[in-house]
Protein backbone atom coordinates (compact mmCIF):
# COMPACT_ATOMS: atom_id res chain seq x y z
CA MET A 1 120.61 175.54 75.93
CA ALA A 2 119.29 172.01 75.49
CA GLU A 3 121.81 169.24 74.93
CA GLN A 4 121.96 167.98 71.33
CA LEU A 5 123.04 164.36 70.81
CA HIS A 6 124.57 162.85 67.66
CA LEU A 7 122.13 160.01 66.93
CA ALA A 8 123.18 158.65 63.56
CA ASP A 9 125.27 159.22 60.39
CA ILE A 10 124.04 158.80 56.85
CA VAL A 11 126.69 156.57 55.27
CA GLY A 12 125.13 155.62 51.96
CA VAL A 13 121.95 154.95 49.97
CA HIS A 14 119.76 151.91 49.47
CA GLY A 15 117.66 151.33 46.36
CA ILE A 16 115.89 153.89 44.20
CA LYS A 17 113.13 155.08 46.55
CA GLY A 18 115.23 157.42 48.72
CA TRP A 19 116.20 155.10 51.57
CA VAL A 20 119.53 155.93 53.27
CA LYS A 21 122.01 153.66 54.98
CA ILE A 22 122.71 154.84 58.51
CA ARG A 23 125.18 154.17 61.31
CA SER A 24 123.06 154.54 64.41
CA TYR A 25 124.46 155.40 67.82
CA LEU A 26 121.30 154.25 69.60
CA GLU A 27 120.91 150.83 71.11
CA ASP A 28 117.56 150.60 69.33
CA PRO A 29 117.70 152.45 66.02
CA ALA A 30 113.90 152.20 65.70
CA LEU A 31 113.75 154.90 68.37
CA LEU A 32 114.56 157.38 65.57
CA THR A 33 110.96 157.00 64.28
CA GLU A 34 109.57 158.06 67.68
CA LEU A 35 111.59 161.21 68.10
CA ASP A 36 110.34 164.67 67.10
CA ASP A 37 112.62 167.51 66.13
CA ILE A 38 115.42 165.45 64.65
CA ILE A 39 117.96 167.76 63.01
CA LEU A 40 119.63 166.89 59.69
CA SER A 41 122.95 168.66 59.22
CA PRO A 42 126.18 168.20 57.28
CA GLY A 43 128.49 165.89 59.15
CA LYS A 44 132.27 165.83 59.23
CA GLN A 45 132.26 163.58 56.14
CA ALA A 46 130.06 165.90 54.04
CA GLY A 47 131.71 167.75 51.17
CA ALA A 48 132.64 171.46 51.20
CA ALA A 49 129.41 172.54 49.45
CA GLU A 50 127.31 170.53 51.95
CA ALA A 51 129.16 171.95 54.91
CA LYS A 52 127.68 175.38 54.06
CA ALA A 53 124.13 173.99 53.78
CA GLU A 54 121.42 174.86 56.26
CA VAL A 55 120.43 172.46 58.99
CA LYS A 56 116.83 171.32 58.83
CA LYS A 57 114.31 169.26 60.75
CA VAL A 58 113.51 165.82 59.39
CA LYS A 59 111.08 163.02 60.32
CA VAL A 60 112.42 159.45 60.20
CA LEU A 61 109.45 157.45 58.84
CA LYS A 62 110.84 153.91 58.96
CA VAL A 63 113.97 152.03 60.08
CA LYS A 64 114.89 148.53 58.97
CA THR A 65 117.75 146.10 59.29
CA GLN A 66 119.24 145.40 55.92
CA GLY A 67 121.92 142.65 56.01
CA LYS A 68 124.45 143.81 58.65
CA GLY A 69 123.37 147.43 58.27
CA ILE A 70 120.44 149.71 58.98
CA ILE A 71 118.42 151.68 56.45
CA ALA A 72 115.97 154.50 57.03
CA ALA A 73 113.25 156.34 55.13
CA LEU A 74 113.19 160.12 55.69
CA LYS A 75 110.20 162.27 55.00
CA GLY A 76 110.68 164.24 51.76
CA VAL A 77 113.54 162.06 50.55
CA ASP A 78 111.80 160.15 47.77
CA ASP A 79 114.46 159.13 45.23
CA ARG A 80 118.06 157.89 45.06
CA ASN A 81 119.46 161.36 43.98
CA ALA A 82 117.90 163.04 47.03
CA ALA A 83 119.28 160.28 49.28
CA GLU A 84 122.72 160.46 47.66
CA ALA A 85 122.87 164.22 48.40
CA LEU A 86 122.67 163.34 52.14
CA ARG A 87 125.66 161.03 52.21
CA GLY A 88 127.91 162.23 55.05
CA TRP A 89 125.13 164.11 56.84
CA MET A 90 124.17 163.40 60.43
CA LEU A 91 121.00 163.13 62.48
CA SER A 92 120.91 164.70 65.92
CA GLY A 93 118.25 165.35 68.54
CA LEU A 94 117.56 166.68 71.99
CA ALA A 95 118.77 164.53 74.87
CA SER A 96 115.51 165.36 76.65
CA GLN A 97 113.55 163.38 73.98
CA LEU A 98 115.24 160.10 74.88
CA PRO A 99 113.44 157.78 77.28
CA GLN A 100 114.69 157.67 80.83
CA PRO A 101 116.89 154.65 81.49
CA GLY A 102 115.48 151.92 83.70
CA GLU A 103 116.83 150.89 87.09
CA GLY A 104 120.48 149.91 86.73
CA GLU A 105 120.64 151.20 83.13
CA TYR A 106 122.73 154.17 81.98
CA TYR A 107 123.38 156.13 78.86
CA TRP A 108 127.03 156.00 77.92
CA ARG A 109 127.21 159.78 77.88
CA ASP A 110 126.26 159.82 81.57
CA LEU A 111 129.20 157.52 82.44
CA MET A 112 131.81 159.62 80.68
CA GLY A 113 134.14 161.37 83.13
CA LEU A 114 133.00 159.47 86.21
CA LYS A 115 135.73 158.46 88.67
CA VAL A 116 136.38 154.73 88.85
CA TRP A 117 137.30 153.31 92.27
CA CYS A 118 138.31 149.78 93.13
CA THR A 119 138.98 148.01 96.41
CA GLU A 120 142.47 146.70 97.04
CA GLY A 121 142.75 144.92 100.38
CA ASP A 122 141.07 147.10 102.93
CA ARG A 123 141.32 150.39 101.02
CA GLU A 124 139.74 151.97 97.96
CA VAL A 125 141.99 153.24 95.20
CA LEU A 126 141.21 155.49 92.27
CA LEU A 127 141.89 153.96 88.88
CA GLY A 128 141.04 157.12 86.95
CA THR A 129 138.09 158.50 85.00
CA VAL A 130 135.97 156.96 82.25
CA LYS A 131 137.44 158.11 78.93
CA GLN A 132 135.11 156.09 76.65
CA LEU A 133 133.16 152.89 76.33
CA ILE A 134 133.75 150.22 73.74
CA GLU A 135 131.10 147.89 72.47
CA THR A 136 132.37 144.32 72.07
CA GLY A 137 130.59 141.17 71.15
CA SER A 138 130.22 139.80 74.64
CA ASN A 139 130.03 142.92 76.86
CA ASP A 140 130.84 146.59 76.82
CA VAL A 141 134.18 147.79 78.19
CA LEU A 142 135.04 150.89 80.21
CA VAL A 143 138.22 152.61 79.10
CA VAL A 144 139.56 154.28 82.24
CA LYS A 145 142.32 156.89 81.80
CA PRO A 146 144.67 157.76 84.63
CA THR A 147 144.40 161.09 86.48
CA ALA A 148 146.86 163.02 88.61
CA ASP A 149 145.55 161.33 91.75
CA SER A 150 145.03 157.79 90.42
CA VAL A 151 146.85 154.81 91.81
CA ASP A 152 149.03 154.41 88.70
CA ASP A 153 149.57 155.91 85.29
CA SER A 154 148.06 152.99 83.34
CA GLU A 155 144.94 152.99 81.23
CA HIS A 156 142.53 150.27 82.43
CA LEU A 157 140.07 148.27 80.36
CA ILE A 158 137.27 147.09 82.63
CA PRO A 159 134.41 144.90 81.43
CA TRP A 160 130.95 146.36 82.03
CA LEU A 161 129.48 143.44 84.02
CA PRO A 162 127.04 144.91 86.62
CA GLY A 163 126.86 142.90 89.82
CA ASP A 164 130.07 141.10 89.00
CA VAL A 165 132.80 143.54 88.02
CA VAL A 166 130.75 146.75 88.32
CA ALA A 167 129.70 146.97 91.95
CA GLY A 168 127.81 150.23 91.77
CA VAL A 169 127.25 153.49 89.93
CA ASP A 170 126.40 156.82 91.63
CA LEU A 171 125.74 159.42 88.95
CA ILE A 172 125.17 162.17 91.53
CA ALA A 173 128.49 161.54 93.25
CA GLY A 174 130.21 160.90 89.89
CA VAL A 175 131.56 157.51 90.96
CA ILE A 176 131.70 154.00 89.62
CA LYS A 177 132.89 151.25 92.03
CA VAL A 178 134.40 148.12 90.53
CA ASN A 179 135.64 144.77 91.71
CA TRP A 180 138.79 144.77 89.69
CA PHE A 181 142.53 144.40 90.15
CA ILE A 182 145.44 146.76 89.80
CA ASP A 183 147.87 145.78 87.09
CA ALA A 184 151.20 144.75 88.52
C-alpha cells in the first residue's frame, strides 16, 4: 500500500469566499497546488459528527501567506460556511507525489529512526536513534533518544548543521554521523 503523508491541517477560515487557514507540514506550502489526489479527511480535532464523514479527494487551487499564517482555496469550497465545516480536517497525500530531495537534502520522515554515531577520541560511539526533529529559528535540531546499546541513557539535542555538526547521512545503512560531544 502506498504511504500516505499528513500534509496540512485546516485550523480556521479566512474571509467569506471559502478560504481556509492551514497549518502546513511542507517546507513550501505552495507545493499543495501541484499535487494530485490530495485526500481531505476528518482530523483528530474534528468533531464527533465529522469523524464519521467520508474522506474525499480535493484540489488545492491557491495558497497564500496571510500575516504569520497560510490560507488556501479548495475546489468546491466557495463560502465561509463550507470552509467552517472543514475546521479540524486534514489534508494528506501520497509520498510518491513529493519531489525527490536534492543532493544532501532529506525529508524529515526519512531521518526518523536512523542511528546517530559520533566520534569520541579514536572510536565511534552510538548516541541513539532519531526520535524527532524540531524546527527552530536558526537551524533544525535532531532529538536523539537513547537505545539499549547507546553510550549513555541521555537524550541528545543535536543541531542539524550539515558539514559542521552533521558529518554524513547514509539512508541505506540507516546511519547519521555527527561531530558532537558526549555529555559529561
